[in-house]
């Protein structure tokens, strides 16, 4: 779901999308938790991890990131794809 690791590392470490397979005979319980950061936090590749490489993902405010994440109609694309910088 959230792909911070991949964005912060500029793609060096890969994030996987969370997918669930349900079981028709057993109940499943999921608990989501979000941790608050400050309003002034930026989400994007960390400059110390770029190492002179081209930035692959956008840098945006935390509020813009979540606004886009929860409001986006993905149309078959992941949110990670929407954060990539288009060449």
N, C-alpha and C. Protein backbone atom coordinates (compact mmCIF):
# COMPACT_ATOMS: atom_id res chain seq x y z
N UNK A 1 0.83 -1.18 0.00
CA UNK A 1 0.00 0.00 0.00
C UNK A 1 0.87 1.25 0.00
N UNK A 2 1.53 1.55 1.10
CA UNK A 2 2.41 2.70 1.13
C UNK A 2 3.81 2.25 0.74
N UNK A 3 4.43 3.01 -0.09
CA UNK A 3 5.70 2.58 -0.68
C UNK A 3 6.83 3.53 -0.31
N UNK A 4 6.84 3.98 0.95
CA UNK A 4 7.84 4.94 1.38
C UNK A 4 9.26 4.44 1.18
N UNK A 5 9.52 3.17 1.52
CA UNK A 5 10.87 2.64 1.44
C UNK A 5 11.44 2.81 0.04
N UNK A 6 10.66 2.49 -0.96
CA UNK A 6 11.14 2.58 -2.34
C UNK A 6 11.33 4.04 -2.76
N UNK A 7 10.45 4.92 -2.34
CA UNK A 7 10.57 6.34 -2.69
C UNK A 7 11.77 6.95 -1.98
N UNK A 8 11.91 6.72 -0.66
CA UNK A 8 13.02 7.30 0.11
C UNK A 8 14.38 6.85 -0.42
N UNK A 9 14.47 5.62 -0.91
CA UNK A 9 15.76 5.09 -1.39
C UNK A 9 15.93 5.28 -2.89
N UNK A 10 15.01 6.00 -3.54
CA UNK A 10 15.06 6.26 -4.99
C UNK A 10 15.07 4.96 -5.79
N UNK A 11 14.38 3.95 -5.29
CA UNK A 11 14.25 2.69 -6.01
C UNK A 11 15.31 1.65 -5.68
N UNK A 12 16.25 1.99 -4.80
CA UNK A 12 17.30 1.03 -4.44
C UNK A 12 16.68 -0.19 -3.74
N UNK A 13 15.76 0.07 -2.83
CA UNK A 13 15.03 -1.01 -2.17
C UNK A 13 13.61 -1.03 -2.71
N UNK A 14 13.11 -2.18 -3.06
CA UNK A 14 11.79 -2.31 -3.67
C UNK A 14 10.72 -2.54 -2.60
N UNK A 15 9.58 -1.94 -2.81
CA UNK A 15 8.41 -2.18 -1.97
C UNK A 15 7.46 -3.08 -2.75
N UNK A 16 6.74 -3.90 -2.04
CA UNK A 16 5.74 -4.72 -2.71
C UNK A 16 4.36 -4.19 -2.33
N UNK A 17 3.44 -4.34 -3.23
CA UNK A 17 2.07 -3.95 -2.93
C UNK A 17 1.43 -5.03 -2.09
N UNK A 18 0.68 -4.60 -1.08
CA UNK A 18 0.02 -5.54 -0.19
C UNK A 18 -1.22 -6.11 -0.88
N UNK A 19 -1.26 -7.41 -0.98
CA UNK A 19 -2.42 -8.06 -1.59
C UNK A 19 -2.88 -9.17 -0.65
N UNK A 20 -4.17 -9.38 -0.61
CA UNK A 20 -4.74 -10.34 0.32
C UNK A 20 -5.54 -11.38 -0.44
N UNK A 21 -5.38 -12.62 -0.06
CA UNK A 21 -6.19 -13.70 -0.58
C UNK A 21 -7.08 -14.16 0.56
N UNK A 22 -8.37 -14.13 0.33
CA UNK A 22 -9.29 -14.53 1.40
C UNK A 22 -9.52 -16.04 1.39
N UNK A 23 -9.92 -16.54 2.53
CA UNK A 23 -10.21 -17.96 2.69
C UNK A 23 -11.71 -18.09 2.93
N UNK A 24 -12.39 -18.86 2.13
CA UNK A 24 -13.85 -18.94 2.21
C UNK A 24 -14.35 -19.59 3.49
N UNK A 25 -13.49 -20.32 4.21
CA UNK A 25 -13.92 -21.03 5.41
C UNK A 25 -13.47 -20.35 6.71
N UNK A 26 -12.60 -19.37 6.64
CA UNK A 26 -12.07 -18.75 7.86
C UNK A 26 -12.26 -17.24 7.80
N UNK A 27 -12.46 -16.66 8.99
CA UNK A 27 -12.56 -15.21 9.09
C UNK A 27 -11.16 -14.61 9.04
N UNK A 28 -11.12 -13.37 8.61
CA UNK A 28 -9.85 -12.65 8.55
C UNK A 28 -10.03 -11.30 9.21
N UNK A 29 -9.09 -10.91 10.04
CA UNK A 29 -9.13 -9.62 10.71
C UNK A 29 -7.90 -8.81 10.31
N UNK A 30 -8.11 -7.60 9.83
CA UNK A 30 -7.02 -6.70 9.47
C UNK A 30 -7.11 -5.46 10.33
N UNK A 31 -5.98 -5.00 10.80
CA UNK A 31 -5.93 -3.77 11.58
C UNK A 31 -4.93 -2.84 10.92
N UNK A 32 -5.42 -1.70 10.48
CA UNK A 32 -4.53 -0.71 9.85
C UNK A 32 -4.10 0.30 10.89
N UNK A 33 -2.86 0.73 10.79
CA UNK A 33 -2.40 1.79 11.69
C UNK A 33 -1.55 2.76 10.89
N UNK A 34 -1.77 4.03 11.13
CA UNK A 34 -0.98 5.07 10.49
C UNK A 34 -0.30 5.87 11.60
N UNK A 35 0.90 6.27 11.35
CA UNK A 35 1.65 7.05 12.33
C UNK A 35 1.78 8.47 11.81
N UNK A 36 1.49 9.41 12.66
CA UNK A 36 1.52 10.81 12.25
C UNK A 36 2.94 11.35 12.28
N UNK A 37 3.24 12.12 11.26
CA UNK A 37 4.49 12.87 11.22
C UNK A 37 4.12 14.33 11.29
N UNK A 38 5.08 15.18 11.33
CA UNK A 38 4.78 16.61 11.34
C UNK A 38 4.22 17.06 10.01
N UNK A 39 3.57 18.21 10.00
CA UNK A 39 2.98 18.75 8.77
C UNK A 39 4.03 19.17 7.76
N UNK A 40 5.24 19.45 8.22
CA UNK A 40 6.27 19.96 7.31
C UNK A 40 7.16 18.86 6.73
N UNK A 41 6.76 17.61 6.85
CA UNK A 41 7.55 16.49 6.35
C UNK A 41 7.43 16.39 4.84
N UNK A 42 8.58 16.15 4.17
CA UNK A 42 8.58 15.93 2.73
C UNK A 42 8.77 14.45 2.45
N UNK A 43 8.05 13.95 1.46
CA UNK A 43 8.18 12.56 1.03
C UNK A 43 8.82 12.57 -0.34
N UNK A 44 9.97 11.94 -0.43
CA UNK A 44 10.72 11.89 -1.68
C UNK A 44 12.06 11.23 -1.42
N UNK A 45 12.87 11.03 -2.45
CA UNK A 45 14.17 10.41 -2.27
C UNK A 45 15.04 11.24 -1.33
N UNK A 46 15.75 10.56 -0.45
CA UNK A 46 16.64 11.23 0.49
C UNK A 46 17.93 11.61 -0.23
N UNK A 47 18.33 12.87 -0.10
CA UNK A 47 19.50 13.36 -0.84
C UNK A 47 20.75 12.55 -0.52
N UNK A 48 20.91 12.10 0.71
CA UNK A 48 22.11 11.32 1.07
C UNK A 48 22.11 9.93 0.44
N UNK A 49 20.97 9.47 -0.07
CA UNK A 49 20.92 8.16 -0.73
C UNK A 49 20.95 8.27 -2.26
N UNK A 50 20.84 9.49 -2.79
CA UNK A 50 20.88 9.65 -4.24
C UNK A 50 22.27 9.36 -4.79
N UNK A 51 23.30 9.76 -4.08
CA UNK A 51 24.66 9.47 -4.50
C UNK A 51 24.97 9.90 -5.92
N UNK A 52 24.48 11.05 -6.34
CA UNK A 52 24.75 11.55 -7.69
C UNK A 52 23.85 10.96 -8.76
N UNK A 53 22.97 10.04 -8.39
CA UNK A 53 22.04 9.43 -9.36
C UNK A 53 20.87 10.37 -9.63
N UNK A 54 20.25 10.19 -10.78
CA UNK A 54 19.06 10.97 -11.14
C UNK A 54 17.90 10.60 -10.23
N UNK A 55 17.14 11.59 -9.79
CA UNK A 55 15.98 11.35 -8.92
C UNK A 55 14.86 10.72 -9.73
N UNK A 56 14.35 9.56 -9.27
CA UNK A 56 13.31 8.81 -9.99
C UNK A 56 11.90 9.12 -9.50
N UNK A 57 11.78 9.63 -8.27
CA UNK A 57 10.47 9.87 -7.68
C UNK A 57 10.31 11.33 -7.27
N UNK A 58 9.09 11.82 -7.35
CA UNK A 58 8.78 13.20 -6.98
C UNK A 58 9.00 13.41 -5.49
N UNK A 59 9.25 14.65 -5.12
CA UNK A 59 9.27 15.05 -3.72
C UNK A 59 8.03 15.90 -3.49
N UNK A 60 7.27 15.56 -2.48
CA UNK A 60 6.01 16.26 -2.22
C UNK A 60 5.79 16.35 -0.71
N UNK A 61 4.91 17.22 -0.30
CA UNK A 61 4.60 17.33 1.13
C UNK A 61 3.80 16.10 1.58
N UNK A 62 3.83 15.85 2.85
CA UNK A 62 3.08 14.73 3.40
C UNK A 62 1.59 14.87 3.07
N UNK A 63 1.06 16.08 3.21
CA UNK A 63 -0.37 16.29 2.94
C UNK A 63 -0.72 16.02 1.49
N UNK A 64 0.10 16.51 0.55
CA UNK A 64 -0.15 16.26 -0.87
C UNK A 64 -0.06 14.77 -1.19
N UNK A 65 0.92 14.09 -0.58
CA UNK A 65 1.09 12.66 -0.82
C UNK A 65 -0.18 11.91 -0.43
N UNK A 66 -0.67 12.16 0.79
CA UNK A 66 -1.85 11.43 1.24
C UNK A 66 -3.12 11.87 0.53
N UNK A 67 -3.21 13.13 0.17
CA UNK A 67 -4.36 13.60 -0.60
C UNK A 67 -4.42 12.85 -1.93
N UNK A 68 -3.29 12.73 -2.60
CA UNK A 68 -3.23 11.99 -3.86
C UNK A 68 -3.44 10.50 -3.67
N UNK A 69 -2.89 9.97 -2.58
CA UNK A 69 -3.00 8.53 -2.32
C UNK A 69 -4.45 8.10 -2.12
N UNK A 70 -5.18 8.85 -1.30
CA UNK A 70 -6.54 8.45 -0.98
C UNK A 70 -7.57 8.92 -1.99
N UNK A 71 -7.24 9.91 -2.81
CA UNK A 71 -8.21 10.45 -3.77
C UNK A 71 -8.03 9.91 -5.19
N UNK A 72 -6.89 9.30 -5.45
CA UNK A 72 -6.56 8.91 -6.83
C UNK A 72 -7.42 7.76 -7.33
N UNK A 73 -7.83 7.89 -8.57
CA UNK A 73 -8.42 6.76 -9.29
C UNK A 73 -7.24 6.12 -10.02
N UNK A 74 -6.84 4.95 -9.59
CA UNK A 74 -5.59 4.38 -10.05
C UNK A 74 -5.62 3.89 -11.49
N UNK A 75 -6.78 3.52 -11.99
CA UNK A 75 -6.90 3.05 -13.38
C UNK A 75 -5.83 2.02 -13.74
N UNK A 76 -5.63 1.07 -12.86
CA UNK A 76 -4.68 -0.01 -13.12
C UNK A 76 -3.24 0.32 -12.77
N UNK A 77 -2.97 1.53 -12.28
CA UNK A 77 -1.62 1.91 -11.90
C UNK A 77 -1.52 1.95 -10.38
N UNK A 78 -0.33 1.69 -9.87
CA UNK A 78 -0.12 1.80 -8.44
C UNK A 78 0.20 3.25 -8.09
N UNK A 79 0.07 3.58 -6.82
CA UNK A 79 0.41 4.92 -6.38
C UNK A 79 1.91 5.17 -6.60
N UNK A 80 2.71 4.14 -6.48
CA UNK A 80 4.14 4.25 -6.72
C UNK A 80 4.42 4.73 -8.15
N UNK A 81 3.66 4.20 -9.11
CA UNK A 81 3.81 4.63 -10.50
C UNK A 81 3.49 6.12 -10.65
N UNK A 82 2.50 6.59 -9.92
CA UNK A 82 2.11 8.01 -10.00
C UNK A 82 3.16 8.92 -9.38
N UNK A 83 4.00 8.38 -8.49
CA UNK A 83 5.06 9.19 -7.86
C UNK A 83 6.31 9.26 -8.74
N UNK A 84 6.43 8.42 -9.75
CA UNK A 84 7.62 8.43 -10.61
C UNK A 84 7.68 9.72 -11.42
N UNK A 85 8.90 10.20 -11.61
CA UNK A 85 9.13 11.38 -12.45
C UNK A 85 9.12 10.92 -13.90
N UNK A 86 8.28 11.54 -14.69
CA UNK A 86 8.17 11.20 -16.11
C UNK A 86 9.30 11.87 -16.87
N UNK A 87 9.90 11.16 -17.78
CA UNK A 87 11.01 11.75 -18.58
C UNK A 87 10.51 12.31 -19.88
